[in-house]
């Protein structure tokens, strides 16, 4: 089995894909979304928001969740872009 080399997740504000992802992550971070999560009984809301962002990034770039987490841990710029302070372990997602 041949393993495909994964591209590093380096933010580029000029790339339309990163611009779109930034807008999506901004919506996910909004107060309105957090209120809706709380109404649906999702708790803790901040952790759920973090997990949702990580899963969205994995889907967006067609990579594993564990790869997104490793990139977030390596790249402070990516954490700032996603507005993430604490990164959960892959097993917690």
PDB file of N, CA and C in Angstrom:
ATOM      1  N   UNK A   1       0.843  -1.179   0.000  1.00  0.00           N
ATOM      2  CA  UNK A   1       0.000   0.000   0.000  1.00  0.00           C
ATOM      3  C   UNK A   1       0.887   1.240   0.000  1.00  0.00           C
ATOM      4  N   UNK A   2       0.606   2.158  -0.874  1.00  0.00           N
ATOM      5  CA  UNK A   2       1.388   3.382  -0.989  1.00  0.00           C
ATOM      6  C   UNK A   2       0.718   4.462  -0.156  1.00  0.00           C
ATOM      7  N   UNK A   3       1.518   5.081   0.722  1.00  0.00           N
ATOM      8  CA  UNK A   3       0.964   6.156   1.541  1.00  0.00           C
ATOM      9  C   UNK A   3       1.176   7.479   0.828  1.00  0.00           C
ATOM     10  N   UNK A   4       0.131   8.243   0.753  1.00  0.00           N
ATOM     11  CA  UNK A   4       0.160   9.534   0.092  1.00  0.00           C
ATOM     12  C   UNK A   4       0.802  10.560   1.020  1.00  0.00           C
ATOM     13  N   UNK A   5       1.668  11.399   0.472  1.00  0.00           N
ATOM     14  CA  UNK A   5       2.294  12.445   1.274  1.00  0.00           C
ATOM     15  C   UNK A   5       1.261  13.530   1.550  1.00  0.00           C
ATOM     16  N   UNK A   6       1.177  13.922   2.798  1.00  0.00           N
ATOM     17  CA  UNK A   6       0.183  14.919   3.186  1.00  0.00           C
ATOM     18  C   UNK A   6       0.778  16.316   3.083  1.00  0.00           C
ATOM     19  N   UNK A   7      -0.019  17.234   2.572  1.00  0.00           N
ATOM     20  CA  UNK A   7       0.455  18.605   2.452  1.00  0.00           C
ATOM     21  C   UNK A   7       0.407  19.277   3.816  1.00  0.00           C
ATOM     22  N   UNK A   8       1.387  20.119   4.103  1.00  0.00           N
ATOM     23  CA  UNK A   8       1.342  20.849   5.371  1.00  0.00           C
ATOM     24  C   UNK A   8       0.212  21.883   5.330  1.00  0.00           C
ATOM     25  N   UNK A   9      -0.416  22.098   6.458  1.00  0.00           N
ATOM     26  CA  UNK A   9      -1.512  23.068   6.529  1.00  0.00           C
ATOM     27  C   UNK A   9      -0.933  24.434   6.880  1.00  0.00           C
ATOM     28  N   UNK A  10      -0.485  25.139   5.850  1.00  0.00           N
ATOM     29  CA  UNK A  10       0.104  26.464   6.020  1.00  0.00           C
ATOM     30  C   UNK A  10      -0.913  27.475   5.521  1.00  0.00           C
ATOM     31  N   UNK A  11      -1.314  28.366   6.406  1.00  0.00           N
ATOM     32  CA  UNK A  11      -2.359  29.332   6.050  1.00  0.00           C
ATOM     33  C   UNK A  11      -1.867  30.304   4.984  1.00  0.00           C
ATOM     34  N   UNK A  12      -2.753  30.630   4.074  1.00  0.00           N
ATOM     35  CA  UNK A  12      -2.482  31.596   3.019  1.00  0.00           C
ATOM     36  C   UNK A  12      -3.759  32.407   2.825  1.00  0.00           C
ATOM     37  N   UNK A  13      -3.762  33.606   3.371  1.00  0.00           N
ATOM     38  CA  UNK A  13      -4.957  34.457   3.338  1.00  0.00           C
ATOM     39  C   UNK A  13      -5.403  34.787   1.908  1.00  0.00           C
ATOM     40  N   UNK A  14      -4.499  34.682   0.929  1.00  0.00           N
ATOM     41  CA  UNK A  14      -4.838  35.017  -0.452  1.00  0.00           C
ATOM     42  C   UNK A  14      -5.481  33.844  -1.193  1.00  0.00           C
ATOM     43  N   UNK A  15      -5.314  32.657  -0.673  1.00  0.00           N
ATOM     44  CA  UNK A  15      -5.881  31.457  -1.294  1.00  0.00           C
ATOM     45  C   UNK A  15      -7.382  31.410  -1.002  1.00  0.00           C
ATOM     46  N   UNK A  16      -8.217  31.293  -2.042  1.00  0.00           N
ATOM     47  CA  UNK A  16      -9.670  31.286  -1.830  1.00  0.00           C
ATOM     48  C   UNK A  16     -10.145  30.173  -0.894  1.00  0.00           C
ATOM     49  N   UNK A  17      -9.449  29.041  -0.918  1.00  0.00           N
ATOM     50  CA  UNK A  17      -9.833  27.929  -0.047  1.00  0.00           C
ATOM     51  C   UNK A  17      -9.647  28.322   1.423  1.00  0.00           C
ATOM     52  N   UNK A  18      -8.532  28.995   1.738  1.00  0.00           N
ATOM     53  CA  UNK A  18      -8.283  29.431   3.114  1.00  0.00           C
ATOM     54  C   UNK A  18      -9.230  30.566   3.507  1.00  0.00           C
ATOM     55  N   UNK A  19      -9.559  31.427   2.542  1.00  0.00           N
ATOM     56  CA  UNK A  19     -10.508  32.512   2.815  1.00  0.00           C
ATOM     57  C   UNK A  19     -11.872  31.938   3.182  1.00  0.00           C
ATOM     58  N   UNK A  20     -12.328  30.966   2.414  1.00  0.00           N
ATOM     59  CA  UNK A  20     -13.614  30.328   2.692  1.00  0.00           C
ATOM     60  C   UNK A  20     -13.592  29.626   4.044  1.00  0.00           C
ATOM     61  N   UNK A  21     -12.517  28.883   4.320  1.00  0.00           N
ATOM     62  CA  UNK A  21     -12.407  28.197   5.606  1.00  0.00           C
ATOM     63  C   UNK A  21     -12.420  29.202   6.756  1.00  0.00           C
ATOM     64  N   UNK A  22     -11.741  30.329   6.585  1.00  0.00           N
ATOM     65  CA  UNK A  22     -11.733  31.366   7.619  1.00  0.00           C
ATOM     66  C   UNK A  22     -13.129  31.888   7.909  1.00  0.00           C
ATOM     67  N   UNK A  23     -13.925  32.075   6.866  1.00  0.00           N
ATOM     68  CA  UNK A  23     -15.303  32.541   7.050  1.00  0.00           C
ATOM     69  C   UNK A  23     -16.144  31.490   7.764  1.00  0.00           C
ATOM     70  N   UNK A  24     -15.967  30.236   7.385  1.00  0.00           N
ATOM     71  CA  UNK A  24     -16.719  29.151   8.024  1.00  0.00           C
ATOM     72  C   UNK A  24     -16.351  29.047   9.499  1.00  0.00           C
ATOM     73  N   UNK A  25     -15.050  29.080   9.795  1.00  0.00           N
ATOM     74  CA  UNK A  25     -14.611  28.987  11.189  1.00  0.00           C
ATOM     75  C   UNK A  25     -15.076  30.200  11.996  1.00  0.00           C
ATOM     76  N   UNK A  26     -15.155  31.359  11.345  1.00  0.00           N
ATOM     77  CA  UNK A  26     -15.668  32.548  12.018  1.00  0.00           C
ATOM     78  C   UNK A  26     -17.129  32.391  12.411  1.00  0.00           C
ATOM     79  N   UNK A  27     -17.910  31.784  11.539  1.00  0.00           N
ATOM     80  CA  UNK A  27     -19.323  31.536  11.841  1.00  0.00           C
ATOM     81  C   UNK A  27     -19.450  30.539  12.984  1.00  0.00           C
ATOM     82  N   UNK A  28     -18.630  29.485  12.949  1.00  0.00           N
ATOM     83  CA  UNK A  28     -18.668  28.467  14.003  1.00  0.00           C
ATOM     84  C   UNK A  28     -18.304  29.074  15.359  1.00  0.00           C
ATOM     85  N   UNK A  29     -17.458  30.111  15.342  1.00  0.00           N
ATOM     86  CA  UNK A  29     -17.024  30.756  16.582  1.00  0.00           C
ATOM     87  C   UNK A  29     -18.020  31.792  17.100  1.00  0.00           C
ATOM     88  N   UNK A  30     -19.043  32.079  16.326  1.00  0.00           N
ATOM     89  CA  UNK A  30     -19.955  33.161  16.688  1.00  0.00           C
ATOM     90  C   UNK A  30     -20.779  32.837  17.937  1.00  0.00           C
ATOM     91  N   UNK A  31     -21.217  33.874  18.574  1.00  0.00           N
ATOM     92  CA  UNK A  31     -22.025  33.734  19.788  1.00  0.00           C
ATOM     93  C   UNK A  31     -23.330  32.999  19.487  1.00  0.00           C
ATOM     94  N   UNK A  32     -23.896  33.292  18.354  1.00  0.00           N
ATOM     95  CA  UNK A  32     -25.165  32.668  17.950  1.00  0.00           C
ATOM     96  C   UNK A  32     -25.033  31.142  17.867  1.00  0.00           C
ATOM     97  N   UNK A  33     -23.961  30.674  17.263  1.00  0.00           N
ATOM     98  CA  UNK A  33     -23.747  29.226  17.136  1.00  0.00           C
ATOM     99  C   UNK A  33     -23.550  28.611  18.516  1.00  0.00           C
ATOM    100  N   UNK A  34     -22.806  29.288  19.369  1.00  0.00           N
ATOM    101  CA  UNK A  34     -22.589  28.779  20.730  1.00  0.00           C
ATOM    102  C   UNK A  34     -23.908  28.710  21.504  1.00  0.00           C
ATOM    103  N   UNK A  35     -24.764  29.704  21.317  1.00  0.00           N
ATOM    104  CA  UNK A  35     -26.071  29.685  21.974  1.00  0.00           C
ATOM    105  C   UNK A  35     -26.908  28.509  21.477  1.00  0.00           C
ATOM    106  N   UNK A  36     -26.872  28.261  20.180  1.00  0.00           N
ATOM    107  CA  UNK A  36     -27.630  27.141  19.619  1.00  0.00           C
ATOM    108  C   UNK A  36     -27.104  25.805  20.133  1.00  0.00           C
ATOM    109  N   UNK A  37     -25.788  25.684  20.265  1.00  0.00           N
ATOM    110  CA  UNK A  37     -25.216  24.451  20.816  1.00  0.00           C
ATOM    111  C   UNK A  37     -25.712  24.233  22.240  1.00  0.00           C
ATOM    112  N   UNK A  38     -25.719  25.305  23.026  1.00  0.00           N
ATOM    113  CA  UNK A  38     -26.178  25.202  24.414  1.00  0.00           C
ATOM    114  C   UNK A  38     -27.660  24.829  24.463  1.00  0.00           C
ATOM    115  N   UNK A  39     -28.471  25.408  23.572  1.00  0.00           N
ATOM    116  CA  UNK A  39     -29.899  25.075  23.524  1.00  0.00           C
ATOM    117  C   UNK A  39     -30.122  23.599  23.213  1.00  0.00           C
ATOM    118  N   UNK A  40     -29.233  23.035  22.410  1.00  0.00           N
ATOM    119  CA  UNK A  40     -29.353  21.625  22.027  1.00  0.00           C
ATOM    120  C   UNK A  40     -28.762  20.686  23.075  1.00  0.00           C
ATOM    121  N   UNK A  41     -28.275  21.259  24.171  1.00  0.00           N
ATOM    122  CA  UNK A  41     -27.742  20.445  25.259  1.00  0.00           C
ATOM    123  C   UNK A  41     -26.299  20.012  25.063  1.00  0.00           C
ATOM    124  N   UNK A  42     -25.605  20.630  24.122  1.00  0.00           N
ATOM    125  CA  UNK A  42     -24.198  20.296  23.892  1.00  0.00           C
ATOM    126  C   UNK A  42     -23.363  21.011  24.946  1.00  0.00           C
ATOM    127  N   UNK A  43     -22.608  20.232  25.688  1.00  0.00           N
ATOM    128  CA  UNK A  43     -21.833  20.806  26.784  1.00  0.00           C
ATOM    129  C   UNK A  43     -20.530  20.042  26.922  1.00  0.00           C
ATOM    130  N   UNK A  44     -19.443  20.672  27.205  1.00  0.00           N
ATOM    131  CA  UNK A  44     -19.164  22.107  27.264  1.00  0.00           C
ATOM    132  C   UNK A  44     -19.086  22.703  25.852  1.00  0.00           C
ATOM    133  N   UNK A  45     -19.653  23.863  25.706  1.00  0.00           N
ATOM    134  CA  UNK A  45     -19.791  24.505  24.399  1.00  0.00           C
ATOM    135  C   UNK A  45     -18.430  24.825  23.781  1.00  0.00           C
ATOM    136  N   UNK A  46     -17.490  25.324  24.585  1.00  0.00           N
ATOM    137  CA  UNK A  46     -16.184  25.692  24.026  1.00  0.00           C
ATOM    138  C   UNK A  46     -15.439  24.480  23.477  1.00  0.00           C
ATOM    139  N   UNK A  47     -15.485  23.372  24.195  1.00  0.00           N
ATOM    140  CA  UNK A  47     -14.830  22.152  23.718  1.00  0.00           C
ATOM    141  C   UNK A  47     -15.522  21.639  22.459  1.00  0.00           C
ATOM    142  N   UNK A  48     -16.840  21.692  22.447  1.00  0.00           N
ATOM    143  CA  UNK A  48     -17.591  21.248  21.266  1.00  0.00           C
ATOM    144  C   UNK A  48     -17.240  22.114  20.055  1.00  0.00           C
ATOM    145  N   UNK A  49     -17.099  23.419  20.270  1.00  0.00           N
ATOM    146  CA  UNK A  49     -16.713  24.318  19.184  1.00  0.00           C
ATOM    147  C   UNK A  49     -15.330  23.996  18.646  1.00  0.00           C
ATOM    148  N   UNK A  50     -14.400  23.704  19.556  1.00  0.00           N
ATOM    149  CA  UNK A  50     -13.039  23.336  19.158  1.00  0.00           C
ATOM    150  C   UNK A  50     -13.044  22.050  18.343  1.00  0.00           C
ATOM    151  N   UNK A  51     -13.766  21.060  18.827  1.00  0.00           N
ATOM    152  CA  UNK A  51     -13.845  19.777  18.121  1.00  0.00           C
ATOM    153  C   UNK A  51     -14.487  19.967  16.748  1.00  0.00           C
ATOM    154  N   UNK A  52     -15.538  20.775  16.687  1.00  0.00           N
ATOM    155  CA  UNK A  52     -16.223  21.034  15.424  1.00  0.00           C
ATOM    156  C   UNK A  52     -15.275  21.687  14.416  1.00  0.00           C
ATOM    157  N   UNK A  53     -14.472  22.643  14.872  1.00  0.00           N
ATOM    158  CA  UNK A  53     -13.508  23.307  13.991  1.00  0.00           C
ATOM    159  C   UNK A  53     -12.477  22.318  13.451  1.00  0.00           C
ATOM    160  N   UNK A  54     -11.969  21.461  14.328  1.00  0.00           N
ATOM    161  CA  UNK A  54     -10.959  20.485  13.911  1.00  0.00           C
ATOM    162  C   UNK A  54     -11.544  19.514  12.888  1.00  0.00           C
ATOM    163  N   UNK A  55     -12.752  19.044  13.140  1.00  0.00           N
ATOM    164  CA  UNK A  55     -13.404  18.121  12.201  1.00  0.00           C
ATOM    165  C   UNK A  55     -13.660  18.818  10.860  1.00  0.00           C
ATOM    166  N   UNK A  56     -14.103  20.067  10.894  1.00  0.00           N
ATOM    167  CA  UNK A  56     -14.322  20.812   9.654  1.00  0.00           C
ATOM    168  C   UNK A  56     -13.031  20.954   8.858  1.00  0.00           C
ATOM    169  N   UNK A  57     -11.931  21.255   9.545  1.00  0.00           N
ATOM    170  CA  UNK A  57     -10.644  21.394   8.859  1.00  0.00           C
ATOM    171  C   UNK A  57     -10.219  20.070   8.226  1.00  0.00           C
ATOM    172  N   UNK A  58     -10.437  18.974   8.940  1.00  0.00           N
ATOM    173  CA  UNK A  58     -10.082  17.657   8.404  1.00  0.00           C
ATOM    174  C   UNK A  58     -10.907  17.347   7.154  1.00  0.00           C
ATOM    175  N   UNK A  59     -12.194  17.637   7.205  1.00  0.00           N
ATOM    176  CA  UNK A  59     -13.063  17.408   6.051  1.00  0.00           C
ATOM    177  C   UNK A  59     -12.664  18.323   4.897  1.00  0.00           C
ATOM    178  N   UNK A  60     -12.402  19.577   5.216  1.00  0.00           N
ATOM    179  CA  UNK A  60     -12.089  20.587   4.210  1.00  0.00           C
ATOM    180  C   UNK A  60     -10.853  20.213   3.394  1.00  0.00           C
ATOM    181  N   UNK A  61      -9.841  19.660   4.069  1.00  0.00           N
ATOM    182  CA  UNK A  61      -8.594  19.311   3.382  1.00  0.00           C
ATOM    183  C   UNK A  61      -8.447  17.813   3.121  1.00  0.00           C
ATOM    184  N   UNK A  62      -9.480  17.039   3.410  1.00  0.00           N
ATOM    185  CA  UNK A  62      -9.487  15.583   3.181  1.00  0.00           C
ATOM    186  C   UNK A  62      -8.297  14.892   3.844  1.00  0.00           C
ATOM    187  N   UNK A  63      -8.102  15.196   5.126  1.00  0.00           N
ATOM    188  CA  UNK A  63      -7.030  14.574   5.909  1.00  0.00           C
ATOM    189  C   UNK A  63      -7.618  14.014   7.196  1.00  0.00           C
ATOM    190  N   UNK A  64      -6.819  13.219   7.892  1.00  0.00           N
ATOM    191  CA  UNK A  64      -7.252  12.646   9.163  1.00  0.00           C
ATOM    192  C   UNK A  64      -7.310  13.710  10.248  1.00  0.00           C
ATOM    193  N   UNK A  65      -8.175  13.485  11.216  1.00  0.00           N
ATOM    194  CA  UNK A  65      -8.280  14.383  12.366  1.00  0.00           C
ATOM    195  C   UNK A  65      -6.952  14.432  13.113  1.00  0.00           C
ATOM    196  N   UNK A  66      -6.294  13.290  13.253  1.00  0.00           N
ATOM    197  CA  UNK A  66      -5.009  13.254  13.959  1.00  0.00           C
ATOM    198  C   UNK A  66      -3.959  14.103  13.242  1.00  0.00           C
ATOM    199  N   UNK A  67      -4.026  14.160  11.908  1.00  0.00           N
ATOM    200  CA  UNK A  67      -3.090  15.002  11.158  1.00  0.00           C
ATOM    201  C   UNK A  67      -3.373  16.482  11.406  1.00  0.00           C
ATOM    202  N   UNK A  68      -4.640  16.868  11.426  1.00  0.00           N
ATOM    203  CA  UNK A  68      -4.994  18.262  11.714  1.00  0.00           C
ATOM    204  C   UNK A  68      -4.497  18.641  13.106  1.00  0.00           C
ATOM    205  N   UNK A  69      -4.679  17.758  14.071  1.00  0.00           N
ATOM    206  CA  UNK A  69      -4.228  18.033  15.436  1.00  0.00           C
ATOM    207  C   UNK A  69      -2.713  18.185  15.480  1.00  0.00           C
ATOM    208  N   UNK A  70      -1.986  17.310  14.795  1.00  0.00           N
ATOM    209  CA  UNK A  70      -0.522  17.428  14.796  1.00  0.00           C
ATOM    210  C   UNK A  70      -0.071  18.730  14.141  1.00  0.00           C
ATOM    211  N   UNK A  71      -0.740  19.145  13.076  1.00  0.00           N
ATOM    212  CA  UNK A  71      -0.413  20.416  12.428  1.00  0.00           C
ATOM    213  C   UNK A  71      -0.737  21.601  13.342  1.00  0.00           C
ATOM    214  N   UNK A  72      -1.856  21.530  14.048  1.00  0.00           N
ATOM    215  CA  UNK A  72      -2.211  22.603  14.982  1.00  0.00           C
ATOM    216  C   UNK A  72      -1.183  22.716  16.104  1.00  0.00           C
ATOM    217  N   UNK A  73      -0.695  21.587  16.573  1.00  0.00           N
ATOM    218  CA  UNK A  73       0.308  21.603  17.639  1.00  0.00           C
ATOM    219  C   UNK A  73       1.641  22.154  17.141  1.00  0.00           C
ATOM    220  N   UNK A  74       1.962  21.927  15.870  1.00  0.00           N
ATOM    221  CA  UNK A  74       3.230  22.395  15.301  1.00  0.00           C
ATOM    222  C   UNK A  74       3.195  23.856  14.882  1.00  0.00           C
ATOM    223  N   UNK A  75       2.047  24.352  14.460  1.00  0.00           N
ATOM    224  CA  UNK A  75       1.973  25.663  13.807  1.00  0.00           C
ATOM    225  C   UNK A  75       1.111  26.659  14.584  1.00  0.00           C
ATOM    226  N   UNK A  76       1.791  27.613  15.213  1.00  0.00           N
ATOM    227  CA  UNK A  76       1.093  28.658  15.973  1.00  0.00           C
ATOM    228  C   UNK A  76       0.216  29.505  15.051  1.00  0.00           C
ATOM    229  N   UNK A  77       0.676  29.730  13.824  1.00  0.00           N
ATOM    230  CA  UNK A  77      -0.098  30.531  12.873  1.00  0.00           C
ATOM    231  C   UNK A  77      -1.433  29.860  12.546  1.00  0.00           C
ATOM    232  N   UNK A  78      -1.420  28.554  12.434  1.00  0.00           N
ATOM    233  CA  UNK A  78      -2.652  27.806  12.168  1.00  0.00           C
ATOM    234  C   UNK A  78      -3.599  27.885  13.364  1.00  0.00           C
ATOM    235  N   UNK A  79      -3.052  27.809  14.567  1.00  0.00           N
ATOM    236  CA  UNK A  79      -3.883  27.951  15.776  1.00  0.00           C
ATOM    237  C   UNK A  79      -4.514  29.337  15.835  1.00  0.00           C
ATOM    238  N   UNK A  80      -3.739  30.369  15.490  1.00  0.00           N
ATOM    239  CA  UNK A  80      -4.289  31.735  15.475  1.00  0.00           C
ATOM    240  C   UNK A  80      -5.385  31.859  14.422  1.00  0.00           C
ATOM    241  N   UNK A  81      -5.155  31.293  13.248  1.00  0.00           N
ATOM    242  CA  UNK A  81      -6.137  31.344  12.165  1.00  0.00           C
ATOM    243  C   UNK A  81      -7.458  30.720  12.599  1.00  0.00           C
ATOM    244  N   UNK A  82      -7.367  29.574  13.265  1.00  0.00           N
ATOM    245  CA  UNK A  82      -8.568  28.854  13.704  1.00  0.00           C
ATOM    246  C   UNK A  82      -9.103  29.368  15.035  1.00  0.00           C
ATOM    247  N   UNK A  83      -8.372  30.294  15.641  1.00  0.00           N
ATOM    248  CA  UNK A  83      -8.744  30.855  16.952  1.00  0.00           C
ATOM    249  C   UNK A  83      -8.909  29.741  17.987  1.00  0.00           C
ATOM    250  N   UNK A  84      -7.887  28.881  18.049  1.00  0.00           N
ATOM    251  CA  UNK A  84      -7.890  27.775  18.999  1.00  0.00           C
ATOM    252  C   UNK A  84      -6.778  27.976  20.020  1.00  0.00           C
ATOM    253  N   UNK A  85      -7.128  27.817  21.290  1.00  0.00           N
ATOM    254  CA  UNK A  85      -6.147  27.957  22.363  1.00  0.00           C
ATOM    255  C   UNK A  85      -5.698  26.579  22.826  1.00  0.00           C
ATOM    256  N   UNK A  86      -6.656  25.739  23.165  1.00  0.00           N
ATOM    257  CA  UNK A  86      -6.349  24.386  23.619  1.00  0.00           C
ATOM    258  C   UNK A  86      -6.710  23.393  22.520  1.00  0.00           C
ATOM    259  N   UNK A  87      -5.802  22.460  22.302  1.00  0.00           N
ATOM    260  CA  UNK A  87      -6.011  21.444  21.276  1.00  0.00           C
ATOM    261  C   UNK A  87      -6.227  20.098  21.968  1.00  0.00           C
ATOM    262  N   UNK A  88      -7.403  19.492  21.799  1.00  0.00           N
ATOM    263  CA  UNK A  88      -7.635  18.183  22.428  1.00  0.00           C
ATOM    264  C   UNK A  88      -6.850  17.088  21.708  1.00  0.00           C
ATOM    265  N   UNK A  89      -6.701  15.960  22.365  1.00  0.00           N
ATOM    266  CA  UNK A  89      -6.031  14.820  21.738  1.00  0.00           C
ATOM    267  C   UNK A  89      -6.994  14.154  20.756  1.00  0.00           C
ATOM    268  N   UNK A  90      -6.433  13.468  19.790  1.00  0.00           N
ATOM    269  CA  UNK A  90      -7.254  12.820  18.755  1.00  0.00           C
ATOM    270  C   UNK A  90      -8.209  11.799  19.358  1.00  0.00           C
ATOM    271  N   UNK A  91      -7.787  11.110  20.399  1.00  0.00           N
ATOM    272  CA  UNK A  91      -8.651  10.092  21.013  1.00  0.00           C
ATOM    273  C   UNK A  91      -9.880  10.711  21.683  1.00  0.00           C
ATOM    274  N   UNK A  92      -9.813  12.008  22.023  1.00  0.00           N
ATOM    275  CA  UNK A  92     -10.941  12.693  22.659  1.00  0.00           C
ATOM    276  C   UNK A  92     -11.983  13.143  21.642  1.00  0.00           C
ATOM    277  N   UNK A  93     -11.624  13.091  20.385  1.00  0.00           N
ATOM    278  CA  UNK A  93     -12.549  13.504  19.325  1.00  0.00           C
ATOM    279  C   UNK A  93     -13.151  12.276  18.755  1.00  0.00           C
TER     280      UNK A  93
END
